[in-house]
C-alpha atoms as a PDB file:
ATOM      1  CA  MET A   1     -16.248  -2.832  14.618  1.00  0.00           C
ATOM      2  CA  ARG A   2     -14.809  -0.584  11.359  1.00  0.00           C
ATOM      3  CA  THR A   3     -12.740   2.309  11.540  1.00  0.00           C
ATOM      4  CA  SER A   4     -12.847   5.672  10.257  1.00  0.00           C
ATOM      5  CA  LEU A   5      -9.575   6.522   7.874  1.00  0.00           C
ATOM      6  CA  ARG A   6      -8.783   9.505   5.918  1.00  0.00           C
ATOM      7  CA  LEU A   7      -7.246   8.557   3.332  1.00  0.00           C
ATOM      8  CA  ALA A   8      -5.009  11.480   1.155  1.00  0.00           C
ATOM      9  CA  LEU A   9      -3.104  10.440  -2.050  1.00  0.00           C
ATOM     10  CA  LEU A  10      -0.385  13.597  -2.810  1.00  0.00           C
ATOM     11  CA  GLY A  11       2.462  13.584  -5.490  1.00  0.00           C
ATOM     12  CA  ASP A  12       2.112  13.569  -9.186  1.00  0.00           C
ATOM     13  CA  SER A  13       0.182  12.290 -12.058  1.00  0.00           C
ATOM     14  CA  LEU A  14       0.698   8.699 -10.956  1.00  0.00           C
ATOM     15  CA  ALA A  15      -1.084   8.956  -7.748  1.00  0.00           C
ATOM     16  CA  TYR A  16      -3.835  11.501  -9.495  1.00  0.00           C
ATOM     17  CA  GLY A  17      -4.395   8.307 -11.696  1.00  0.00           C
ATOM     18  CA  SER A  18      -3.826   9.938 -15.421  1.00  0.00           C
ATOM     19  CA  GLY A  19      -3.919   7.164 -18.152  1.00  0.00           C
ATOM     20  CA  ALA A  20      -6.440   5.252 -16.256  1.00  0.00           C
ATOM     21  CA  ALA A  21      -9.569   5.230 -18.394  1.00  0.00           C
ATOM     22  CA  GLY A  22     -12.429   5.495 -15.371  1.00  0.00           C
ATOM     23  CA  PRO A  23     -11.684   7.401 -12.054  1.00  0.00           C
ATOM     24  CA  GLY A  24     -12.432   4.096 -10.403  1.00  0.00           C
ATOM     25  CA  ASP A  25      -9.780   2.503 -12.066  1.00  0.00           C
ATOM     26  CA  ALA A  26      -7.026   5.290 -10.701  1.00  0.00           C
ATOM     27  CA  LEU A  27      -4.370   4.029  -7.520  1.00  0.00           C
ATOM     28  CA  GLY A  28      -6.598   5.788  -4.879  1.00  0.00           C
ATOM     29  CA  PRO A  29      -9.765   4.675  -5.140  1.00  0.00           C
ATOM     30  CA  ARG A  30      -8.101   0.932  -5.603  1.00  0.00           C
ATOM     31  CA  LEU A  31      -5.917   1.814  -2.284  1.00  0.00           C
ATOM     32  CA  ALA A  32      -9.441   2.832  -0.668  1.00  0.00           C
ATOM     33  CA  ALA A  33     -11.381  -0.224  -1.989  1.00  0.00           C
ATOM     34  CA  ALA A  34      -8.605  -2.630  -0.057  1.00  0.00           C
ATOM     35  CA  LEU A  35      -8.912  -0.204   2.807  1.00  0.00           C
ATOM     36  CA  THR A  36     -12.720  -0.636   3.061  1.00  0.00           C
ATOM     37  CA  ASP A  37     -12.385  -4.803   2.023  1.00  0.00           C
ATOM     38  CA  ALA A  38      -9.850  -4.674   4.993  1.00  0.00           C
ATOM     39  CA  GLY A  39     -12.467  -2.928   7.427  1.00  0.00           C
ATOM     40  CA  TYR A  40     -12.289   0.853   7.288  1.00  0.00           C
ATOM     41  CA  ASP A  41     -14.318   3.370   6.361  1.00  0.00           C
ATOM     42  CA  VAL A  42     -12.262   5.101   4.146  1.00  0.00           C
ATOM     43  CA  ASP A  43     -12.948   9.185   3.298  1.00  0.00           C
ATOM     44  CA  LEU A  44     -10.113   9.342   0.356  1.00  0.00           C
ATOM     45  CA  SER A  45      -8.837  12.682  -1.067  1.00  0.00           C
ATOM     46  CA  VAL A  46      -6.597  13.051  -3.842  1.00  0.00           C
ATOM     47  CA  LEU A  47      -4.423  16.200  -3.541  1.00  0.00           C
ATOM     48  CA  ALA A  48      -1.806  14.773  -6.194  1.00  0.00           C
ATOM     49  CA  VAL A  49      -1.607  17.191  -9.540  1.00  0.00           C
ATOM     50  CA  PRO A  50      -0.140  15.989 -12.981  1.00  0.00           C
ATOM     51  CA  GLY A  51       3.361  17.463 -13.339  1.00  0.00           C
ATOM     52  CA  ALA A  52       4.355  17.895  -9.926  1.00  0.00           C
ATOM     53  CA  VAL A  53       7.727  17.643  -9.091  1.00  0.00           C
ATOM     54  CA  SER A  54       8.814  17.289  -5.254  1.00  0.00           C
ATOM     55  CA  ARG A  55       9.109  20.902  -4.781  1.00  0.00           C
ATOM     56  CA  ASP A  56       4.755  20.710  -5.448  1.00  0.00           C
ATOM     57  CA  LEU A  57       4.309  19.070  -2.351  1.00  0.00           C
ATOM     58  CA  ALA A  58       4.088  21.840  -0.135  1.00  0.00           C
ATOM     59  CA  ALA A  59       1.061  22.978  -1.725  1.00  0.00           C
ATOM     60  CA  GLN A  60      -0.441  19.985  -1.268  1.00  0.00           C
ATOM     61  CA  VAL A  61       0.745  19.348   2.486  1.00  0.00           C
ATOM     62  CA  ARG A  62      -0.862  22.467   2.904  1.00  0.00           C
ATOM     63  CA  ARG A  63      -4.673  21.188   1.701  1.00  0.00           C
ATOM     64  CA  ALA A  64      -3.806  17.968   3.231  1.00  0.00           C
ATOM     65  CA  GLY A  65      -3.797  19.776   6.685  1.00  0.00           C
ATOM     66  CA  ALA A  66      -6.766  21.830   6.400  1.00  0.00           C
ATOM     67  CA  LEU A  67      -8.307  17.666   6.184  1.00  0.00           C
ATOM     68  CA  ASP A  68      -7.117  16.126   9.321  1.00  0.00           C
ATOM     69  CA  VAL A  69      -5.430  13.298   7.201  1.00  0.00           C
ATOM     70  CA  ASP A  70      -4.904  10.157   8.828  1.00  0.00           C
ATOM     71  CA  LEU A  71      -2.693   8.430   6.299  1.00  0.00           C
ATOM     72  CA  ALA A  72      -0.939   9.910   2.973  1.00  0.00           C
ATOM     73  CA  VAL A  73       0.583   8.026   0.243  1.00  0.00           C
ATOM     74  CA  VAL A  74       2.538   9.802  -1.660  1.00  0.00           C
ATOM     75  CA  VAL A  75       3.977   9.264  -5.289  1.00  0.00           C
ATOM     76  CA  VAL A  76       6.364  11.254  -6.352  1.00  0.00           C
ATOM     77  CA  GLY A  77       9.362  11.891  -8.356  1.00  0.00           C
ATOM     78  CA  ALA A  78       9.197  10.482 -12.116  1.00  0.00           C
ATOM     79  CA  ASN A  79       9.191  14.712 -13.033  1.00  0.00           C
ATOM     80  CA  ASP A  80      12.042  15.243 -10.965  1.00  0.00           C
ATOM     81  CA  LEU A  81      13.794  12.621 -12.835  1.00  0.00           C
ATOM     82  CA  ALA A  82      11.956  13.614 -16.452  1.00  0.00           C
ATOM     83  CA  ARG A  83      12.917  17.391 -15.632  1.00  0.00           C
ATOM     84  CA  LEU A  84      16.805  16.617 -14.669  1.00  0.00           C
ATOM     85  CA  VAL A  85      16.027  17.907 -11.050  1.00  0.00           C
ATOM     86  CA  PRO A  86      19.066  17.008  -9.045  1.00  0.00           C
ATOM     87  CA  PRO A  87      18.790  14.054  -6.864  1.00  0.00           C
ATOM     88  CA  ALA A  88      19.847  15.999  -3.637  1.00  0.00           C
ATOM     89  CA  GLN A  89      16.953  19.085  -4.026  1.00  0.00           C
ATOM     90  CA  ALA A  90      14.261  16.839  -4.873  1.00  0.00           C
ATOM     91  CA  ALA A  91      14.374  14.795  -1.737  1.00  0.00           C
ATOM     92  CA  ALA A  92      14.967  17.707   0.566  1.00  0.00           C
ATOM     93  CA  ALA A  93      11.595  19.100  -1.099  1.00  0.00           C
ATOM     94  CA  LEU A  94      10.164  15.812  -0.298  1.00  0.00           C
ATOM     95  CA  ALA A  95      11.495  16.123   3.097  1.00  0.00           C
ATOM     96  CA  SER A  96      10.135  19.421   4.187  1.00  0.00           C
ATOM     97  CA  ALA A  97       6.696  18.238   2.678  1.00  0.00           C
ATOM     98  CA  LEU A  98       7.005  14.345   5.106  1.00  0.00           C
ATOM     99  CA  ALA A  99       8.096  16.910   8.113  1.00  0.00           C
ATOM    100  CA  GLY A 100       4.819  19.189   7.487  1.00  0.00           C
ATOM    101  CA  LEU A 101       2.694  15.799   7.296  1.00  0.00           C
ATOM    102  CA  ARG A 102       4.144  14.062  10.250  1.00  0.00           C
ATOM    103  CA  ALA A 103       3.883  17.740  12.633  1.00  0.00           C
ATOM    104  CA  ALA A 104       0.218  17.340  11.346  1.00  0.00           C
ATOM    105  CA  GLY A 105      -0.138  13.717  12.823  1.00  0.00           C
ATOM    106  CA  THR A 106      -0.164  12.101   9.785  1.00  0.00           C
ATOM    107  CA  ASP A 107       1.007   8.915   9.198  1.00  0.00           C
ATOM    108  CA  VAL A 108       2.935   8.582   6.016  1.00  0.00           C
ATOM    109  CA  ILE A 109       3.802   5.965   2.826  1.00  0.00           C
ATOM    110  CA  VAL A 110       6.410   7.222   0.325  1.00  0.00           C
ATOM    111  CA  VAL A 111       6.687   5.360  -2.918  1.00  0.00           C
ATOM    112  CA  PRO A 112       9.859   5.871  -4.247  1.00  0.00           C
ATOM    113  CA  ALA A 113      10.711   7.177  -8.014  1.00  0.00           C
ATOM    114  CA  PRO A 114       9.641   4.491 -10.743  1.00  0.00           C
ATOM    115  CA  ASP A 115      12.367   3.538 -12.452  1.00  0.00           C
ATOM    116  CA  MET A 116      11.811   5.708 -15.699  1.00  0.00           C
ATOM    117  CA  SER A 117      13.812   3.555 -17.923  1.00  0.00           C
ATOM    118  CA  THR A 118      11.116   0.849 -18.360  1.00  0.00           C
ATOM    119  CA  VAL A 119       8.861   3.732 -19.901  1.00  0.00           C
ATOM    120  CA  PRO A 120       8.578   2.797 -24.117  1.00  0.00           C
ATOM    121  CA  TRP A 121      10.032   5.987 -25.264  1.00  0.00           C
ATOM    122  CA  VAL A 122      13.738   5.947 -24.000  1.00  0.00           C
ATOM    123  CA  PRO A 123      15.972   5.063 -26.329  1.00  0.00           C
ATOM    124  CA  PRO A 124      17.479   2.169 -25.253  1.00  0.00           C
ATOM    125  CA  ALA A 125      21.058   3.352 -25.475  1.00  0.00           C
ATOM    126  CA  LEU A 126      20.268   5.479 -22.342  1.00  0.00           C
ATOM    127  CA  ARG A 127      17.900   3.029 -20.734  1.00  0.00           C
ATOM    128  CA  PRO A 128      21.097   2.136 -18.139  1.00  0.00           C
ATOM    129  CA  LEU A 129      21.734   6.223 -17.645  1.00  0.00           C
ATOM    130  CA  VAL A 130      18.308   6.296 -16.812  1.00  0.00           C
ATOM    131  CA  GLN A 131      18.071   3.394 -14.564  1.00  0.00           C
ATOM    132  CA  ALA A 132      21.143   4.908 -12.663  1.00  0.00           C
ATOM    133  CA  ALA A 133      19.342   7.999 -12.328  1.00  0.00           C
ATOM    134  CA  SER A 134      15.905   6.319 -11.254  1.00  0.00           C
ATOM    135  CA  ARG A 135      18.261   3.889  -8.832  1.00  0.00           C
ATOM    136  CA  GLN A 136      20.007   7.222  -7.222  1.00  0.00           C
ATOM    137  CA  LEU A 137      17.088   9.599  -6.505  1.00  0.00           C
ATOM    138  CA  GLN A 138      14.649   6.256  -4.871  1.00  0.00           C
ATOM    139  CA  ARG A 139      17.871   5.866  -2.097  1.00  0.00           C
ATOM    140  CA  ALA A 140      17.645   9.281  -1.523  1.00  0.00           C
ATOM    141  CA  GLN A 141      13.969   9.501  -0.939  1.00  0.00           C
ATOM    142  CA  ALA A 142      14.082   6.378   1.013  1.00  0.00           C
ATOM    143  CA  ALA A 143      16.800   7.763   3.051  1.00  0.00           C
ATOM    144  CA  VAL A 144      14.067  11.095   3.969  1.00  0.00           C
ATOM    145  CA  ALA A 145      11.625   8.977   4.327  1.00  0.00           C
ATOM    146  CA  HIS A 146      12.721   7.447   7.602  1.00  0.00           C
ATOM    147  CA  ALA A 147      14.691  10.341   8.286  1.00  0.00           C
ATOM    148  CA  ASN A 148      11.471  11.477   8.943  1.00  0.00           C
ATOM    149  CA  GLY A 149       9.522   8.675  10.522  1.00  0.00           C
ATOM    150  CA  ALA A 150       7.851   8.253   7.391  1.00  0.00           C
ATOM    151  CA  MET A 151       6.988   4.072   5.971  1.00  0.00           C
ATOM    152  CA  VAL A 152       8.523   3.480   2.738  1.00  0.00           C
ATOM    153  CA  ALA A 153       6.751   1.039  -0.297  1.00  0.00           C
ATOM    154  CA  ALA A 154      10.027  -0.178  -1.430  1.00  0.00           C
ATOM    155  CA  VAL A 155       7.820  -1.885  -5.269  1.00  0.00           C
ATOM    156  CA  SER A 156       9.913  -0.378  -7.904  1.00  0.00           C
ATOM    157  CA  ASP A 157      11.827  -3.220  -8.865  1.00  0.00           C
ATOM    158  CA  ALA A 158       8.669  -5.617  -8.755  1.00  0.00           C
ATOM    159  CA  VAL A 159       6.182  -3.067 -10.690  1.00  0.00           C
ATOM    160  CA  SER A 160       9.237  -1.696 -12.901  1.00  0.00           C
ATOM    161  CA  ALA A 161      10.094  -5.596 -14.212  1.00  0.00           C
ATOM    162  CA  ALA A 162       6.533  -5.968 -14.967  1.00  0.00           C
ATOM    163  CA  PHE A 163       6.095  -2.469 -16.690  1.00  0.00           C
ATOM    164  CA  GLY A 164       9.151  -3.612 -18.795  1.00  0.00           C
ATOM    165  CA  THR A 165       7.494  -6.299 -20.484  1.00  0.00           C
ATOM    166  CA  ASP A 166       3.953  -5.802 -20.274  1.00  0.00           C
ATOM    167  CA  PRO A 167       3.159  -2.999 -23.241  1.00  0.00           C
ATOM    168  CA  ALA A 168      -0.325  -3.036 -21.675  1.00  0.00           C
ATOM    169  CA  LEU A 169       0.323  -1.963 -18.941  1.00  0.00           C
ATOM    170  CA  PHE A 170       0.911   1.881 -20.064  1.00  0.00           C
ATOM    171  CA  SER A 171      -1.459   3.980 -21.644  1.00  0.00           C
ATOM    172  CA  ALA A 172      -2.296   5.381 -24.900  1.00  0.00           C
ATOM    173  CA  ASP A 173       0.584   7.769 -24.477  1.00  0.00           C
ATOM    174  CA  ARG A 174       2.744   4.905 -23.822  1.00  0.00           C
ATOM    175  CA  PHE A 175       4.371   7.494 -20.489  1.00  0.00           C
ATOM    176  CA  HIS A 176       1.616   7.036 -18.094  1.00  0.00           C
ATOM    177  CA  PRO A 177       0.261   3.587 -16.632  1.00  0.00           C
ATOM    178  CA  SER A 178      -2.982   1.972 -17.882  1.00  0.00           C
ATOM    179  CA  SER A 179      -5.782   0.811 -15.954  1.00  0.00           C
ATOM    180  CA  ALA A 180      -4.338  -2.447 -15.982  1.00  0.00           C
ATOM    181  CA  GLY A 181      -1.251  -1.027 -15.163  1.00  0.00           C
ATOM    182  CA  TYR A 182      -2.802   0.764 -11.695  1.00  0.00           C
ATOM    183  CA  ALA A 183      -4.118  -2.700 -10.571  1.00  0.00           C
ATOM    184  CA  HIS A 184      -0.573  -3.384 -11.142  1.00  0.00           C
ATOM    185  CA  ILE A 185       0.618  -0.985  -8.959  1.00  0.00           C
ATOM    186  CA  ALA A 186      -1.955  -1.084  -6.031  1.00  0.00           C
ATOM    187  CA  GLU A 187      -1.472  -4.763  -5.986  1.00  0.00           C
ATOM    188  CA  ALA A 188       2.264  -4.058  -4.953  1.00  0.00           C
ATOM    189  CA  LEU A 189       1.082  -1.355  -2.031  1.00  0.00           C
ATOM    190  CA  VAL A 190      -1.866  -2.771  -0.780  1.00  0.00           C
ATOM    191  CA  SER A 191       0.236  -4.854   1.737  1.00  0.00           C
ATOM    192  CA  HIS A 192       2.006  -1.470   2.393  1.00  0.00           C
ATOM    193  CA  VAL A 193      -0.660   0.482   2.772  1.00  0.00           C
ATOM    194  CA  VAL A 194      -3.039  -1.868   4.674  1.00  0.00           C
ATOM    195  CA  ALA A 195      -0.322  -2.673   7.433  1.00  0.00           C
ATOM    196  CA  ALA A 196       0.065   0.983   7.928  1.00  0.00           C
ATOM    197  CA  ALA A 197      -3.555   1.557   8.582  1.00  0.00           C
ATOM    198  CA  HIS A 198      -3.356  -1.268  11.189  1.00  0.00           C
ATOM    199  CA  ALA A 199      -0.539   0.082  13.129  1.00  0.00           C
ATOM    200  CA  ARG A 200      -2.432   3.443  13.280  1.00  0.00           C
ATOM    201  CA  ARG A 201      -5.743   1.554  14.439  1.00  0.00           C
ATOM    202  CA  ASP A 202      -3.795  -0.527  17.090  1.00  0.00           C
ATOM    203  CA  GLY A 203      -1.636   2.242  18.055  1.00  0.00           C
ATOM    204  CA  ALA A 204      -4.550   4.482  18.739  1.00  0.00           C
ATOM    205  CA  ALA A 205      -6.487   1.529  20.703  1.00  0.00           C
ATOM    206  CA  ALA A 206      -3.151   0.574  22.907  1.00  0.00           C
END
């Protein structure tokens, strides 16, 4: 027997799919396809907005509330880093969004900020500094995720290692992932997303 699952992606251009060659190559459809293969009838809503920073999650959470979302995947932080938003400020905005989602009964997976030092246009001399800033934000995001009952998909190291060595994972703008890049990110996330869906299903059946 298949299980219905309302899945939403919140966050920035990575959650939206900017850079993918076609809609089906974006992160949301790839995760929905994996969940379909795992036995779910998925209703996917992509609420993410390109360019969003963590404080912009509040509006997305309000939209999610009207959809009665079962599982939300939140991908945010790249723009906070690019715009030099203080980590504590970004993490506080994420915490508020997570509290809203959890209060609505939504299970949440947080995908912490990517390691922005792998982006091709970052000068080599600045990469250690950018990597340190990325890790600082990742730690702050993970802390507020755990505090608000959300799961953390700590895939940044595995993903950044690939993106740092394979330029084909970036799209033509050398900032967003290509279709191949989204495939790599989705592959890293699938086990986390399917596990979260199974936990929700099994918890409802208990």
